[in-house]
C-alpha atoms as a PDB file:
ATOM      1  CA  MET A   1      39.011  34.489   1.410  1.00  0.00           C
ATOM      2  CA  PHE A   2      38.028  31.806   3.944  1.00  0.00           C
ATOM      3  CA  GLU A   3      34.357  32.762   3.756  1.00  0.00           C
ATOM      4  CA  LEU A   4      34.363  32.552  -0.036  1.00  0.00           C
ATOM      5  CA  LEU A   5      35.879  29.071   0.045  1.00  0.00           C
ATOM      6  CA  LEU A   6      33.364  28.015   2.679  1.00  0.00           C
ATOM      7  CA  ILE A   7      30.461  29.250   0.554  1.00  0.00           C
ATOM      8  CA  ILE A   8      31.872  27.578  -2.571  1.00  0.00           C
ATOM      9  CA  TYR A   9      32.182  24.310  -0.638  1.00  0.00           C
ATOM     10  CA  LEU A  10      28.847  24.445   1.195  1.00  0.00           C
ATOM     11  CA  LEU A  11      26.664  25.447  -1.756  1.00  0.00           C
ATOM     12  CA  PRO A  12      26.906  22.080  -3.602  1.00  0.00           C
ATOM     13  CA  VAL A  13      26.628  20.212  -0.297  1.00  0.00           C
ATOM     14  CA  LEU A  14      23.424  22.097   0.552  1.00  0.00           C
ATOM     15  CA  ILE A  15      21.993  21.496  -2.927  1.00  0.00           C
ATOM     16  CA  ILE A  16      22.708  17.757  -2.718  1.00  0.00           C
ATOM     17  CA  GLY A  17      21.308  17.671   0.815  1.00  0.00           C
ATOM     18  CA  MET A  18      18.107  19.373  -0.298  1.00  0.00           C
ATOM     19  CA  LEU A  19      17.729  16.963  -3.219  1.00  0.00           C
ATOM     20  CA  LEU A  20      18.255  13.979  -0.922  1.00  0.00           C
ATOM     21  CA  LEU A  21      15.712  15.349   1.552  1.00  0.00           C
ATOM     22  CA  LYS A  22      13.235  15.820  -1.290  1.00  0.00           C
ATOM     23  CA  LEU A  23      13.865  12.221  -2.403  1.00  0.00           C
ATOM     24  CA  VAL A  24      13.317  10.937   1.141  1.00  0.00           C
ATOM     25  CA  PHE A  25       9.992  12.774   1.432  1.00  0.00           C
ATOM     26  CA  TRP A  26       8.903  11.483  -1.988  1.00  0.00           C
ATOM     27  CA  LEU A  27       9.806   7.896  -1.025  1.00  0.00           C
ATOM     28  CA  LEU A  28       8.006   8.259   2.297  1.00  0.00           C
ATOM     29  CA  ARG A  29       4.870   9.540   0.600  1.00  0.00           C
ATOM     30  CA  PHE A  30       5.060   6.737  -1.980  1.00  0.00           C
ATOM     31  CA  ALA A  31       5.508   4.086   0.744  1.00  0.00           C
ATOM     32  CA  ILE A  32       2.539   5.425   2.731  1.00  0.00           C
ATOM     33  CA  ARG A  33       0.339   5.434  -0.376  1.00  0.00           C
ATOM     34  CA  LEU A  34       1.422   1.880  -1.194  1.00  0.00           C
ATOM     35  CA  ALA A  35       0.683   0.704   2.353  1.00  0.00           C
ATOM     36  CA  VAL A  36      -2.777   2.313   2.325  1.00  0.00           C
ATOM     37  CA  TRP A  37      -3.528   0.760  -1.081  1.00  0.00           C
ATOM     38  CA  LEU A  38      -2.406  -2.691   0.096  1.00  0.00           C
ATOM     39  CA  ILE A  39      -4.474  -2.489   3.287  1.00  0.00           C
ATOM     40  CA  LYS A  40      -7.506  -1.334   1.306  1.00  0.00           C
ATOM     41  CA  LYS A  41      -7.174  -4.153  -1.243  1.00  0.00           C
ATOM     42  CA  THR A  42      -6.635  -6.709   1.524  1.00  0.00           C
ATOM     43  CA  PHE A  43      -9.843  -5.707   3.310  1.00  0.00           C
ATOM     44  CA  ILE A  44     -11.760  -5.767   0.017  1.00  0.00           C
ATOM     45  CA  LEU A  45     -10.501  -9.286  -0.760  1.00  0.00           C
ATOM     46  CA  ILE A  46     -11.263 -10.510   2.774  1.00  0.00           C
ATOM     47  CA  TRP A  47     -14.791  -9.091   2.524  1.00  0.00           C
ATOM     48  CA  LYS A  48     -15.347 -10.795  -0.853  1.00  0.00           C
ATOM     49  CA  LEU A  49     -14.044 -14.073   0.566  1.00  0.00           C
ATOM     50  CA  ILE A  50     -16.453 -13.859   3.518  1.00  0.00           C
ATOM     51  CA  ILE A  51     -19.362 -13.195   1.152  1.00  0.00           C
ATOM     52  CA  LEU A  52     -18.308 -16.134  -1.042  1.00  0.00           C
ATOM     53  CA  VAL A  53     -18.133 -18.480   1.941  1.00  0.00           C
ATOM     54  CA  PHE A  54     -21.583 -17.408   3.149  1.00  0.00           C
ATOM     55  CA  ALA A  55     -22.987 -17.804  -0.375  1.00  0.00           C
ATOM     56  CA  ILE A  56     -21.574 -21.334  -0.588  1.00  0.00           C
ATOM     57  CA  ILE A  57     -22.946 -22.265   2.842  1.00  0.00           C
ATOM     58  CA  ILE A  58     -26.400 -20.850   2.046  1.00  0.00           C
ATOM     59  CA  GLY A  59     -26.360 -22.513  -1.384  1.00  0.00           C
ATOM     60  CA  ARG A  60     -25.616 -25.895   0.167  1.00  0.00           C
ATOM     61  CA  GLU A  61     -28.443 -25.448   2.687  1.00  0.00           C
ATOM     62  CA  ILE A  62     -30.975 -24.528   0.009  1.00  0.00           C
ATOM     63  CA  MET A  63     -29.968 -27.163  -2.565  1.00  0.00           C
ATOM     64  CA  PRO A  64     -28.709 -30.366  -0.951  1.00  0.00           C
ATOM     65  CA  ARG A  65     -26.734 -32.610  -3.300  1.00  0.00           C
ATOM     66  CA  ASN A  66     -28.090 -36.065  -2.499  1.00  0.00           C
ATOM     67  CA  GLN A  67     -31.815 -35.844  -2.968  1.00  0.00           C
ATOM     68  CA  PRO A  68     -33.622 -39.173  -2.966  1.00  0.00           C
ATOM     69  CA  ASP A  69     -35.769 -39.792  -6.018  1.00  0.00           C
ATOM     70  CA  LYS A  70     -39.446 -39.643  -5.205  1.00  0.00           C
END
């Protein structure tokens, strides 16, 4: 009788525990994907900013603003 009650009690606890463990793994995978995506986008934006700064610097060297009229 004791074993039957133990099984009846532990079965829902094990099912809930397995579902919670599955949720934890899903959240962990989602968080890792989000972190990788954010790092990737950050490096892309930094690279584009560096290219923009170099383009502005080179553009100012090639075409100075105050050219005297000749």
